[in-house]
Amino acid sequence: MNRRRRNRSWNITENLAGYLFMTPTILVVGTFVVLPILYAIFLSLQKVKLLGGIEYEFIGFRNFTQLVKDDRVWIALKNTAEYVAIVVPTQTVLALILAVTLNAGIRGKNWWRILYFLPTVTSSAVLTLIFMWIYNTDGLLNDFLAFVGLPTYNWLGDPAVALKGIMIMNIWSTAPFYMVIYLAALQDIPQKLYEAAELDGANEWQKFIYITIPILKPVTFFVVAIGVIGTFQLFDQSYIFSGGTGGPNNATLTVVLLIYQAVFRNLQMGYAAAIAFLLAAVIITITLIQQRFFGGERT
């Protein structure tokens, strides 16, 4: 009986010690993750008055029903979905190609790594301003297109191409980050697998398709998932390009920019919280679909 009591006392002491060590993490997660989510849920069910003192009025799910009627929400979702559908696959494929090239042992690969990675370490705002200069009607890109005999565009003012300009810039600046992830994964693949494939008569393409790609499947899931989350949260480039309006003609309006406008221009914090939950639901759904497709549970 005494031994059982001692064991029970020892288990309680161990549990208390464990919770004591977890306390800093629990406090941080609770303060910066759980509480903001709960407050956002509260806001999404309220009409918030900000001028002349903060006042809350419970309106139920009216903010969410307004989402369905708001044309700009659907425009922002369409723009963001188009952006994600083009940028994520392109930057993933480009990152893999760059990683395979560097892993092949080309001459001066260290310098190539530095050159490739420079866009990633450059400030997003600075990159956007540089590309705005390049996209100017008399800028470097149009001069190059005219030189090779291709049509030129008003990249900043034409609704048909404004979002494409942001896509090009983001693919160029984010692919090197994912290249580093792929490069680390490639260097972790055992060379014995390739040597065994060579003995069976496999060429370089067959080794890439039947060895490299399947082994990199969990890494690809991670790259695509992070890419989707990041692209759905597009804000700063769209804000700088359009001066915060999402123009021209809502062509660069994204969901996060719409949230910003709802809070800081229209003072609709409750409605902005509802849009944020819509964005979160879309991201979670797409991530779960990716996990099922890529077999992400094995990562």
Protein backbone atom coordinates (compact mmCIF):
# COMPACT_ATOMS: atom_id res chain seq x y z
CA MET A 1 0.00 0.00 0.00
CA ASN A 2 2.83 2.41 0.91
CA ARG A 3 4.60 1.52 -2.31
CA ARG A 4 1.46 2.30 -4.32
CA ARG A 5 1.15 5.67 -2.58
CA ARG A 6 4.79 6.47 -3.29
CA ASN A 7 4.32 5.61 -6.99
CA ARG A 8 1.20 7.79 -7.17
CA SER A 9 3.03 10.67 -5.47
CA TRP A 10 5.95 10.25 -7.86
CA ASN A 11 3.62 10.34 -10.89
CA ILE A 12 1.94 13.53 -9.62
CA THR A 13 5.37 15.14 -9.13
CA GLU A 14 6.42 14.13 -12.65
CA ASN A 15 3.21 15.53 -14.15
CA LEU A 16 3.60 18.81 -12.28
CA ALA A 17 7.21 19.10 -13.44
CA GLY A 18 6.12 18.43 -17.03
CA TYR A 19 3.40 21.08 -16.92
CA LEU A 20 5.84 23.50 -15.31
CA PHE A 21 8.25 23.10 -18.22
CA MET A 22 5.35 23.50 -20.67
CA THR A 23 4.04 26.67 -19.01
CA PRO A 24 6.08 29.19 -21.10
CA THR A 25 4.94 27.55 -24.36
CA ILE A 26 1.33 27.34 -23.18
CA LEU A 27 1.38 31.03 -22.24
CA VAL A 28 2.89 32.10 -25.56
CA VAL A 29 0.54 29.94 -27.66
CA GLY A 30 -2.46 30.94 -25.57
CA THR A 31 -1.64 34.66 -25.76
CA PHE A 32 -0.63 34.93 -29.41
CA VAL A 33 -2.66 32.11 -31.04
CA VAL A 34 -5.65 30.93 -29.03
CA LEU A 35 -6.84 34.29 -27.66
CA PRO A 36 -6.64 36.08 -31.07
CA ILE A 37 -8.66 33.26 -32.66
CA LEU A 38 -11.32 33.47 -29.95
CA TYR A 39 -11.41 37.27 -30.27
CA ALA A 40 -11.73 36.97 -34.06
CA ILE A 41 -14.69 34.60 -33.59
CA PHE A 42 -16.24 37.17 -31.25
CA LEU A 43 -15.65 40.01 -33.74
CA SER A 44 -17.13 38.06 -36.66
CA LEU A 45 -20.46 37.95 -34.82
CA GLN A 46 -20.46 41.67 -33.96
CA LYS A 47 -20.94 45.02 -35.60
CA VAL A 48 -18.09 47.06 -34.18
CA LYS A 49 -18.25 50.84 -33.84
CA LEU A 50 -14.76 52.35 -33.64
CA LEU A 51 -15.42 56.08 -33.76
CA GLY A 52 -16.24 57.82 -30.49
CA GLY A 53 -15.35 54.79 -28.40
CA ILE A 54 -15.43 51.08 -29.20
CA GLU A 55 -18.92 49.58 -29.07
CA TYR A 56 -20.08 46.06 -29.94
CA GLU A 57 -23.49 45.07 -31.29
CA PHE A 58 -24.28 41.36 -31.66
CA ILE A 59 -25.63 40.65 -35.16
CA GLY A 60 -25.18 36.88 -35.36
CA PHE A 61 -24.11 35.51 -38.75
CA ARG A 62 -25.01 38.66 -40.67
CA ASN A 63 -21.35 39.34 -41.51
CA PHE A 64 -21.07 35.90 -43.09
CA THR A 65 -24.27 36.28 -45.13
CA GLN A 66 -22.93 39.60 -46.38
CA LEU A 67 -19.93 37.75 -47.83
CA VAL A 68 -22.17 35.96 -50.31
CA LYS A 69 -23.68 39.23 -51.54
CA ASP A 70 -20.41 41.18 -51.78
CA ASP A 71 -19.14 41.15 -55.38
CA ARG A 72 -15.68 42.32 -54.31
CA VAL A 73 -15.27 39.21 -52.14
CA TRP A 74 -15.78 36.99 -55.19
CA ILE A 75 -13.46 39.15 -57.28
CA ALA A 76 -10.77 38.89 -54.59
CA LEU A 77 -11.25 35.12 -54.33
CA LYS A 78 -11.04 34.76 -58.12
CA ASN A 79 -7.87 36.87 -58.32
CA THR A 80 -6.27 35.01 -55.41
CA ALA A 81 -7.24 31.59 -56.78
CA GLU A 82 -5.81 32.49 -60.20
CA TYR A 83 -2.65 33.74 -58.55
CA VAL A 84 -2.26 30.54 -56.49
CA ALA A 85 -3.04 28.25 -59.45
CA ILE A 86 -0.28 29.80 -61.57
CA VAL A 87 2.39 30.80 -59.05
CA VAL A 88 2.52 27.67 -56.85
CA PRO A 89 3.05 25.05 -59.62
CA THR A 90 5.45 27.31 -61.52
CA GLN A 91 7.63 28.17 -58.53
CA THR A 92 7.64 24.52 -57.39
CA VAL A 93 8.78 23.21 -60.78
CA LEU A 94 11.33 26.01 -61.15
CA ALA A 95 12.69 25.37 -57.65
CA LEU A 96 13.11 21.66 -58.42
CA ILE A 97 14.88 22.39 -61.72
CA LEU A 98 17.27 24.84 -60.04
CA ALA A 99 17.96 22.35 -57.22
CA VAL A 100 18.64 19.48 -59.63
CA THR A 101 20.97 21.74 -61.65
CA LEU A 102 22.97 22.74 -58.57
CA ASN A 103 23.03 19.18 -57.26
CA ALA A 104 24.51 17.95 -60.53
CA GLY A 105 27.88 19.48 -59.61
CA ILE A 106 28.10 22.34 -62.09
CA ARG A 107 31.21 24.51 -62.04
CA GLY A 108 31.06 27.40 -59.56
CA LYS A 109 27.93 26.02 -57.88
CA ASN A 110 28.54 28.03 -54.68
CA TRP A 111 28.42 31.27 -56.65
CA TRP A 112 25.29 30.09 -58.47
CA ARG A 113 23.64 29.35 -55.11
CA ILE A 114 24.36 32.87 -53.92
CA LEU A 115 23.11 34.38 -57.19
CA TYR A 116 19.92 32.32 -57.16
CA PHE A 117 19.17 33.08 -53.51
CA LEU A 118 19.66 36.86 -53.66
CA PRO A 119 16.01 37.65 -54.57
CA THR A 120 14.78 35.76 -51.50
CA VAL A 121 16.85 37.76 -49.00
CA THR A 122 15.86 41.08 -50.58
CA SER A 123 13.03 43.04 -48.96
CA SER A 124 9.65 42.38 -50.56
CA ALA A 125 8.83 46.09 -50.61
CA VAL A 126 12.14 46.92 -52.30
CA LEU A 127 11.62 44.19 -54.90
CA THR A 128 8.14 45.51 -55.62
CA LEU A 129 9.42 49.05 -56.17
CA ILE A 130 12.19 47.75 -58.46
CA PHE A 131 9.69 45.77 -60.52
CA MET A 132 7.35 48.78 -60.70
CA TRP A 133 10.23 50.64 -62.32
CA ILE A 134 10.85 47.69 -64.65
CA TYR A 135 7.13 47.47 -65.51
CA ASN A 136 6.84 51.17 -66.34
CA THR A 137 5.51 51.82 -69.85
CA ASP A 138 8.98 53.13 -70.75
CA GLY A 139 10.71 50.63 -68.47
CA LEU A 140 13.25 47.90 -68.99
CA LEU A 141 10.78 45.08 -69.68
CA ASN A 142 8.90 46.90 -72.44
CA ASP A 143 12.20 48.00 -73.99
CA PHE A 144 13.30 44.36 -74.09
CA LEU A 145 9.97 43.16 -75.53
CA ALA A 146 10.11 45.85 -78.23
CA PHE A 147 13.72 44.92 -79.03
CA VAL A 148 12.84 41.26 -79.70
CA GLY A 149 9.70 42.23 -81.63
CA LEU A 150 7.10 41.23 -79.03
CA PRO A 151 4.09 43.36 -77.98
CA THR A 152 4.51 45.73 -75.05
CA TYR A 153 2.01 46.24 -72.22
CA ASN A 154 0.94 48.79 -69.66
CA TRP A 155 1.86 46.41 -66.83
CA LEU A 156 0.70 48.71 -64.04
CA GLY A 157 -2.46 50.11 -65.65
CA ASP A 158 -3.91 47.29 -67.73
CA PRO A 159 -6.33 45.05 -65.76
CA ALA A 160 -5.56 42.14 -68.09
CA VAL A 161 -1.86 41.97 -67.18
CA ALA A 162 -1.46 43.75 -63.81
CA LEU A 163 -1.85 40.56 -61.74
CA LYS A 164 0.45 38.67 -64.13
CA GLY A 165 3.16 41.22 -63.39
CA ILE A 166 2.92 40.41 -59.67
CA MET A 167 3.00 36.69 -60.50
CA ILE A 168 6.24 37.02 -62.46
CA MET A 169 7.88 38.97 -59.65
CA ASN A 170 6.84 36.48 -56.96
CA ILE A 171 7.89 33.41 -58.92
CA TRP A 172 11.31 34.97 -59.44
CA SER A 173 11.70 35.93 -55.78
CA THR A 174 10.26 32.87 -54.00
CA ALA A 175 11.46 29.93 -56.13
CA PRO A 176 15.04 30.16 -54.72
CA PHE A 177 13.73 29.64 -51.17
CA TYR A 178 12.08 26.37 -52.14
CA MET A 179 15.15 25.50 -54.21
CA VAL A 180 17.17 25.34 -50.98
CA ILE A 181 14.63 22.91 -49.47
CA TYR A 182 14.75 20.68 -52.54
CA LEU A 183 18.55 20.85 -52.64
CA ALA A 184 18.81 19.64 -49.05
CA ALA A 185 16.42 16.78 -49.83
CA LEU A 186 18.32 15.80 -53.00
CA GLN A 187 21.60 15.61 -51.12
CA ASP A 188 19.95 13.27 -48.62
CA ILE A 189 19.01 10.66 -51.25
CA PRO A 190 21.38 7.63 -51.01
CA GLN A 191 23.62 7.33 -54.07
CA LYS A 192 23.30 3.55 -53.87
CA LEU A 193 19.80 3.84 -55.31
CA TYR A 194 21.10 5.57 -58.43
CA GLU A 195 23.99 3.12 -58.74
CA ALA A 196 21.59 0.17 -58.55
CA ALA A 197 19.37 1.79 -61.20
CA GLU A 198 22.40 2.27 -63.47
CA LEU A 199 23.21 -1.43 -63.16
CA ASP A 200 19.66 -2.15 -64.34
CA GLY A 201 20.24 0.07 -67.38
CA ALA A 202 18.30 3.17 -66.30
CA ASN A 203 19.21 6.47 -67.95
CA GLU A 204 19.26 9.88 -66.23
CA TRP A 205 15.64 10.67 -67.07
CA GLN A 206 14.41 7.32 -65.76
CA LYS A 207 16.37 7.77 -62.53
CA PHE A 208 14.82 11.19 -62.10
CA ILE A 209 11.26 9.98 -62.75
CA TYR A 210 11.33 6.68 -60.86
CA ILE A 211 13.72 7.49 -57.99
CA THR A 212 14.06 11.23 -57.40
CA ILE A 213 10.44 12.29 -57.86
CA PRO A 214 8.88 9.55 -55.63
CA ILE A 215 11.44 10.10 -52.84
CA LEU A 216 10.82 13.86 -52.97
CA LYS A 217 7.05 13.45 -52.71
CA PRO A 218 6.83 14.40 -48.99
CA VAL A 219 9.12 17.39 -49.63
CA THR A 220 6.95 18.42 -52.56
CA PHE A 221 3.89 18.28 -50.31
CA PHE A 222 5.62 20.60 -47.85
CA VAL A 223 6.75 23.00 -50.60
CA VAL A 224 3.30 23.12 -52.21
CA ALA A 225 1.49 23.50 -48.86
CA ILE A 226 3.73 26.36 -47.74
CA GLY A 227 3.48 27.90 -51.20
CA VAL A 228 -0.33 27.79 -51.16
CA ILE A 229 -0.51 29.32 -47.69
CA GLY A 230 1.95 32.06 -48.63
CA THR A 231 0.30 32.93 -51.95
CA PHE A 232 -3.19 33.04 -50.44
CA GLN A 233 -1.82 35.64 -48.02
CA LEU A 234 -0.60 37.93 -50.81
CA PHE A 235 -0.84 41.52 -49.61
CA ASP A 236 2.21 43.77 -49.70
CA GLN A 237 2.96 43.52 -53.43
CA SER A 238 -0.68 44.05 -54.36
CA TYR A 239 -0.93 46.96 -51.92
CA ILE A 240 2.18 48.71 -53.26
CA PHE A 241 1.34 48.05 -56.92
CA SER A 242 -2.17 49.50 -56.60
CA GLY A 243 -1.63 52.05 -53.85
CA GLY A 244 -3.95 50.02 -51.62
CA THR A 245 -6.93 50.13 -54.00
CA GLY A 246 -6.56 46.69 -55.62
CA GLY A 247 -6.70 48.35 -59.03
CA PRO A 248 -6.73 48.79 -61.88
CA ASN A 249 -10.42 47.83 -61.91
CA ASN A 250 -9.93 45.41 -58.95
CA ALA A 251 -7.46 43.38 -61.05
CA THR A 252 -4.94 43.08 -58.17
CA LEU A 253 -7.50 42.88 -55.35
CA THR A 254 -6.69 39.93 -53.07
CA VAL A 255 -8.49 38.52 -50.03
CA VAL A 256 -5.95 39.88 -47.54
CA LEU A 257 -6.02 43.32 -49.19
CA LEU A 258 -9.81 43.22 -48.92
CA ILE A 259 -9.49 42.49 -45.19
CA TYR A 260 -7.16 45.47 -44.86
CA GLN A 261 -9.62 47.73 -46.67
CA ALA A 262 -12.52 46.51 -44.52
CA VAL A 263 -10.67 47.39 -41.31
CA PHE A 264 -8.68 50.51 -42.12
CA ARG A 265 -10.87 52.15 -44.76
CA ASN A 266 -14.41 51.04 -43.97
CA LEU A 267 -13.88 50.46 -40.22
CA GLN A 268 -15.74 47.13 -40.44
CA MET A 269 -13.78 44.95 -38.04
CA GLY A 270 -16.53 42.34 -37.74
CA TYR A 271 -16.85 41.97 -41.50
CA ALA A 272 -13.06 41.78 -41.85
CA ALA A 273 -13.00 38.94 -39.28
CA ALA A 274 -15.62 37.08 -41.31
CA ILE A 275 -13.51 37.44 -44.48
CA ALA A 276 -10.48 36.18 -42.53
CA PHE A 277 -12.39 33.04 -41.50
CA LEU A 278 -13.41 32.51 -45.12
CA LEU A 279 -9.73 32.69 -46.12
CA ALA A 280 -8.74 30.30 -43.33
CA ALA A 281 -11.42 27.80 -44.42
CA VAL A 282 -10.19 27.91 -48.02
CA ILE A 283 -6.54 27.40 -47.00
CA ILE A 284 -7.36 24.51 -44.64
CA THR A 285 -9.52 22.79 -47.27
CA ILE A 286 -6.88 23.04 -49.99
CA THR A 287 -4.14 21.86 -47.59
CA LEU A 288 -6.18 18.77 -46.65
CA ILE A 289 -6.76 18.00 -50.33
CA GLN A 290 -3.01 18.32 -50.97
CA GLN A 291 -2.25 16.06 -48.03
CA ARG A 292 -4.50 13.38 -49.46
CA PHE A 293 -3.01 13.76 -52.94
CA PHE A 294 0.66 13.81 -51.90
CA GLY A 295 0.37 11.39 -48.99
CA GLY A 296 1.58 14.12 -46.64
CA GLU A 297 0.85 11.98 -43.58
CA ARG A 298 4.17 10.26 -44.12
CA THR A 299 6.18 13.46 -43.69
